[in-house]
Amino acid sequence: MPQSSVKPSVNAPDPETPPALGANGAIVALRGVTKTYNGGSKALVDLNLEIRRGDFLFITGPSGSGKSTLLKLLYGEEQATTGSVLVDGFEVSGLRGDRLSELRRRIGIVFQDYKLIPRRTVAENIAFVLWAQGFDRKEIERRLPPALKMVGLPHKANSFPEELSGGEQQRVSIARAIVNTPPILLADEPTGNLDADNSWQVIKILKKLNAIGITVIVTTHDEALIRQSNHPVVQLCNGHLYVPKRYNQPKPT
């Protein structure tokens, strides 16, 4: 059966006595969230989850368990069928236009397949996000070097994606996701196309970002990385949320 709580940093509220959304410093709060697709297929079933500001959370589960769907609900690409999705003060359900854009400026997203623009340099790929959000040239030029330094690629600013390894491309993707300093970073299977060494490099960067206050939420099926990382874990299975007993949850500090 689904567990009623995740400790120490993540809480799936007891449905009998649900706390107020956003209680206890939560930056993400889901209450009774179900996602049903056309034809009646349920991707998520009655999810209750709170993630506190500054947490690092792994979401694991088999393919088709609802991991990517959950992330899409958080940044408004999809809408919950029922329930409430609160992200950094925004009730995501029903957001449109400028309000949805405002939410998305507060969320960095890292994809498994990088989604870099092939005919643009590393610097141009990262700058594109800032340009789209209305930053001027001076501010873009100011933000690029620290973003590249954070992922260890200042020397690759003028390279094209095809000149980079898969691990380097994913690190560029991370730089693009955090160049506008969002409080939340969502990473959907960020190591899925990488070998063990590059996977760990990516996780170390995510841990560095978390250490400076960014809330990091990572979907993955890589159990070795989860065990090495010492962060809370929840599991999705057939759309239900569980706390997997096979992982040792980190102790509160």
Protein backbone atom coordinates (compact mmCIF):
# COMPACT_ATOMS: atom_id res chain seq x y z
CA MET A 1 0.00 0.00 0.00
CA PRO A 2 1.18 3.61 -0.55
CA GLN A 3 2.91 5.09 2.47
CA SER A 4 1.41 8.06 4.30
CA SER A 5 4.65 9.98 4.83
CA VAL A 6 8.14 10.46 3.51
CA LYS A 7 10.83 11.58 5.92
CA PRO A 8 12.79 13.60 6.68
CA SER A 9 12.32 16.16 3.93
CA VAL A 10 9.31 15.09 1.94
CA ASN A 11 5.82 14.60 3.26
CA ALA A 12 2.87 12.81 1.73
CA PRO A 13 0.12 14.29 3.95
CA ASP A 14 -2.29 12.04 5.80
CA PRO A 15 -5.59 12.44 3.90
CA GLU A 16 -7.47 12.34 7.21
CA THR A 17 -5.74 15.48 8.51
CA PRO A 18 -4.18 17.30 5.55
CA PRO A 19 -2.00 20.31 6.36
CA ALA A 20 -2.46 23.57 4.51
CA LEU A 21 -0.78 23.70 1.12
CA GLY A 22 2.67 25.13 1.42
CA ALA A 23 2.88 24.44 5.14
CA ASN A 24 6.25 23.77 6.76
CA GLY A 25 8.19 25.69 4.13
CA ALA A 26 7.00 23.55 1.21
CA ILE A 27 7.95 24.88 -2.21
CA VAL A 28 5.97 22.08 -3.91
CA ALA A 29 2.69 20.72 -2.55
CA LEU A 30 0.40 18.22 -4.25
CA ARG A 31 -2.96 17.36 -2.71
CA GLY A 32 -5.13 14.54 -4.01
CA VAL A 33 -3.64 14.77 -7.50
CA THR A 34 -4.94 12.38 -10.15
CA LYS A 35 -4.04 12.57 -13.83
CA THR A 36 -6.33 10.72 -16.22
CA TYR A 37 -5.74 10.61 -19.97
CA ASN A 38 -8.32 10.17 -22.71
CA GLY A 39 -9.69 6.66 -22.59
CA GLY A 40 -9.57 6.54 -18.80
CA SER A 41 -5.93 5.57 -18.30
CA LYS A 42 -4.67 6.95 -14.98
CA ALA A 43 -1.04 8.09 -14.95
CA LEU A 44 -1.18 9.36 -11.35
CA VAL A 45 -3.61 8.35 -8.63
CA ASP A 46 -4.45 10.50 -5.57
CA LEU A 47 -0.92 11.80 -5.00
CA ASN A 48 -0.15 13.74 -1.83
CA LEU A 49 3.35 15.14 -1.59
CA GLU A 50 5.21 18.07 -0.07
CA ILE A 51 8.78 19.05 -0.90
CA ARG A 52 10.45 21.68 1.23
CA ARG A 53 12.46 24.57 -0.12
CA GLY A 54 16.08 23.50 -0.53
CA ASP A 55 15.37 19.76 -0.69
CA PHE A 56 16.96 17.26 -3.07
CA LEU A 57 14.50 14.50 -3.95
CA PHE A 58 14.80 11.45 -6.17
CA ILE A 59 11.65 10.09 -7.82
CA THR A 60 12.16 6.56 -9.04
CA GLY A 61 10.01 3.91 -10.67
CA PRO A 62 9.76 1.80 -13.82
CA SER A 63 9.05 3.24 -17.26
CA GLY A 64 5.43 4.30 -17.51
CA SER A 65 5.01 4.71 -13.76
CA GLY A 66 4.19 8.43 -14.00
CA LYS A 67 7.55 10.08 -13.26
CA SER A 68 7.64 12.34 -16.31
CA THR A 69 3.94 13.10 -15.97
CA LEU A 70 4.51 14.32 -12.43
CA LEU A 71 7.25 16.70 -13.56
CA LYS A 72 5.04 17.99 -16.38
CA LEU A 73 2.35 18.83 -13.84
CA LEU A 74 4.88 20.86 -11.85
CA TYR A 75 5.86 23.12 -14.75
CA GLY A 76 2.41 23.32 -16.31
CA GLU A 77 2.93 21.35 -19.51
CA GLU A 78 0.03 19.16 -18.38
CA GLN A 79 -2.84 19.79 -15.98
CA ALA A 80 -4.04 17.57 -13.16
CA THR A 81 -7.46 16.03 -13.75
CA THR A 82 -8.32 16.44 -10.07
CA GLY A 83 -6.48 17.80 -7.05
CA SER A 84 -4.22 20.75 -6.37
CA VAL A 85 -0.65 21.42 -7.56
CA LEU A 86 1.08 24.30 -5.79
CA VAL A 87 4.58 25.29 -6.93
CA ASP A 88 6.44 28.20 -5.32
CA GLY A 89 3.18 29.95 -4.53
CA PHE A 90 1.50 29.27 -7.88
CA GLU A 91 -1.59 27.09 -8.13
CA VAL A 92 -0.59 25.46 -11.40
CA SER A 93 -3.98 24.12 -12.45
CA GLY A 94 -5.55 26.58 -14.86
CA LEU A 95 -2.49 28.81 -15.27
CA ARG A 96 -2.35 30.46 -18.68
CA GLY A 97 -0.44 33.15 -20.54
CA ASP A 98 1.76 35.49 -18.53
CA ARG A 99 1.14 33.70 -15.23
CA LEU A 100 2.26 30.38 -16.67
CA SER A 101 5.34 32.06 -18.17
CA GLU A 102 6.10 33.59 -14.77
CA LEU A 103 5.97 30.16 -13.15
CA ARG A 104 8.24 28.63 -15.78
CA ARG A 105 10.83 31.35 -15.24
CA ARG A 106 11.12 29.98 -11.71
CA ILE A 107 11.79 26.41 -12.83
CA GLY A 108 14.86 25.10 -14.63
CA ILE A 109 14.36 21.89 -16.61
CA VAL A 110 16.95 19.29 -17.63
CA PHE A 111 15.95 16.62 -20.14
CA GLN A 112 17.38 13.18 -20.83
CA ASP A 113 18.04 14.04 -24.49
CA TYR A 114 19.61 17.48 -23.76
CA LYS A 115 17.46 19.42 -26.30
CA LEU A 116 20.32 21.63 -27.45
CA ILE A 117 20.05 23.59 -30.69
CA PRO A 118 22.54 21.90 -33.08
CA ARG A 119 23.52 24.99 -35.10
CA ARG A 120 24.14 27.18 -32.07
CA THR A 121 27.25 27.28 -29.89
CA VAL A 122 27.23 26.33 -26.24
CA ALA A 123 27.11 30.01 -25.25
CA GLU A 124 24.25 30.67 -27.68
CA ASN A 125 22.28 27.69 -26.39
CA ILE A 126 22.55 28.95 -22.83
CA ALA A 127 21.91 32.58 -23.79
CA PHE A 128 18.75 31.66 -25.68
CA VAL A 129 16.84 31.17 -22.42
CA LEU A 130 17.82 34.63 -21.20
CA TRP A 131 17.07 36.25 -24.54
CA ALA A 132 13.60 34.64 -24.57
CA GLN A 133 12.95 36.05 -21.10
CA GLY A 134 13.88 39.59 -22.12
CA PHE A 135 17.36 39.96 -20.61
CA ASP A 136 19.55 42.55 -22.32
CA ARG A 137 22.90 41.73 -23.91
CA LYS A 138 24.95 43.09 -21.00
CA GLU A 139 23.11 40.95 -18.47
CA ILE A 140 23.33 37.88 -20.70
CA GLU A 141 27.09 38.33 -21.02
CA ARG A 142 27.36 38.72 -17.24
CA ARG A 143 25.45 35.52 -16.50
CA LEU A 144 27.06 33.18 -19.02
CA PRO A 145 30.55 32.75 -17.43
CA PRO A 146 29.34 31.70 -13.94
CA ALA A 147 26.84 29.26 -15.44
CA LEU A 148 29.56 27.63 -17.55
CA LYS A 149 31.94 27.59 -14.58
CA MET A 150 29.34 25.84 -12.42
CA VAL A 151 29.23 22.91 -14.84
CA GLY A 152 32.99 22.91 -15.52
CA LEU A 153 32.80 23.98 -19.17
CA PRO A 154 34.07 27.58 -19.46
CA HIS A 155 36.44 26.44 -22.23
CA LYS A 156 33.56 25.08 -24.34
CA ALA A 157 31.61 28.33 -24.80
CA ASN A 158 32.27 28.48 -28.55
CA SER A 159 31.88 24.76 -29.26
CA PHE A 160 28.88 23.26 -31.03
CA PRO A 161 26.84 20.40 -29.52
CA GLU A 162 28.17 17.88 -32.05
CA GLU A 163 31.69 18.59 -30.79
CA LEU A 164 30.78 17.60 -27.23
CA SER A 165 30.45 14.25 -25.50
CA GLY A 166 27.08 13.20 -24.14
CA GLY A 167 28.16 14.11 -20.62
CA GLU A 168 29.29 17.56 -21.75
CA GLN A 169 26.02 18.15 -23.60
CA GLN A 170 24.07 17.31 -20.46
CA ARG A 171 26.22 19.70 -18.44
CA VAL A 172 25.43 22.44 -20.99
CA SER A 173 21.76 21.56 -20.54
CA ILE A 174 22.16 22.09 -16.79
CA ALA A 175 23.89 25.44 -17.33
CA ARG A 176 21.01 26.52 -19.57
CA ALA A 177 18.52 25.45 -16.91
CA ILE A 178 20.12 27.46 -14.10
CA VAL A 179 21.47 30.54 -15.91
CA ASN A 180 18.43 32.59 -14.85
CA THR A 181 18.88 31.42 -11.21
CA PRO A 182 15.57 29.57 -10.73
CA PRO A 183 14.67 28.36 -7.22
CA ILE A 184 13.59 24.94 -8.56
CA LEU A 185 15.41 22.53 -10.87
CA LEU A 186 13.60 19.55 -12.42
CA ALA A 187 15.77 16.87 -14.02
CA ASP A 188 13.96 14.16 -15.98
CA GLU A 189 16.22 11.09 -16.27
CA PRO A 190 19.29 13.35 -16.65
CA THR A 191 21.72 10.41 -16.64
CA GLY A 192 19.65 8.06 -18.79
CA ASN A 193 21.97 8.35 -21.82
CA LEU A 194 25.25 8.50 -19.90
CA ASP A 195 27.84 6.04 -18.63
CA ALA A 196 28.54 5.66 -14.91
CA ASP A 197 31.35 8.24 -14.74
CA ASN A 198 29.43 10.94 -16.60
CA SER A 199 26.30 10.14 -14.62
CA TRP A 200 28.10 10.77 -11.37
CA GLN A 201 29.55 14.04 -12.73
CA VAL A 202 26.02 15.22 -13.48
CA ILE A 203 24.77 14.24 -10.02
CA LYS A 204 27.69 16.06 -8.38
CA ILE A 205 26.73 19.23 -10.25
CA LEU A 206 23.12 18.85 -9.13
CA LYS A 207 24.33 18.40 -5.55
CA LYS A 208 26.41 21.60 -5.84
CA LEU A 209 23.35 23.49 -7.05
CA ASN A 210 21.32 22.09 -4.18
CA ALA A 211 24.04 23.20 -1.74
CA ILE A 212 23.51 26.83 -2.82
CA GLY A 213 19.79 26.61 -2.13
CA ILE A 214 18.16 25.32 -5.31
CA THR A 215 15.42 22.74 -4.78
CA VAL A 216 16.35 19.77 -6.97
CA ILE A 217 13.89 17.08 -8.09
CA VAL A 218 15.33 14.23 -10.14
CA THR A 219 13.55 11.33 -11.82
CA THR A 220 15.75 8.30 -12.38
CA HIS A 221 15.79 4.52 -12.51
CA ASP A 222 19.52 4.37 -11.66
CA GLU A 223 19.57 2.68 -8.27
CA ALA A 224 23.35 2.91 -7.92
CA LEU A 225 23.24 6.71 -8.17
CA ILE A 226 20.42 6.89 -5.66
CA ARG A 227 22.34 4.79 -3.15
CA GLN A 228 25.49 6.88 -3.57
CA SER A 229 23.73 10.21 -3.25
CA ASN A 230 22.17 9.98 0.23
CA HIS A 231 19.03 11.96 -0.54
CA PRO A 232 15.35 11.18 0.10
CA VAL A 233 13.62 8.89 -2.39
CA VAL A 234 10.00 8.32 -3.36
CA GLN A 235 8.81 5.71 -5.82
CA LEU A 236 5.98 5.75 -8.33
CA CYS A 237 4.40 2.47 -9.33
CA ASN A 238 1.24 2.33 -11.44
CA GLY A 239 0.62 5.98 -10.59
CA HIS A 240 0.79 5.47 -6.81
CA LEU A 241 3.39 7.02 -4.52
CA TYR A 242 5.48 4.87 -2.17
CA VAL A 243 8.46 5.21 0.12
CA PRO A 244 10.71 2.34 -0.98
CA LYS A 245 12.07 0.42 2.01
CA ARG A 246 15.14 -0.81 0.14
CA TYR A 247 16.75 2.63 0.34
CA ASN A 248 18.13 4.04 3.57
CA GLN A 249 16.60 7.47 3.97
CA PRO A 250 19.12 10.07 5.21
CA LYS A 251 18.87 11.08 8.83
CA PRO A 252 17.55 14.54 9.74
CA THR A 253 20.23 17.13 10.41
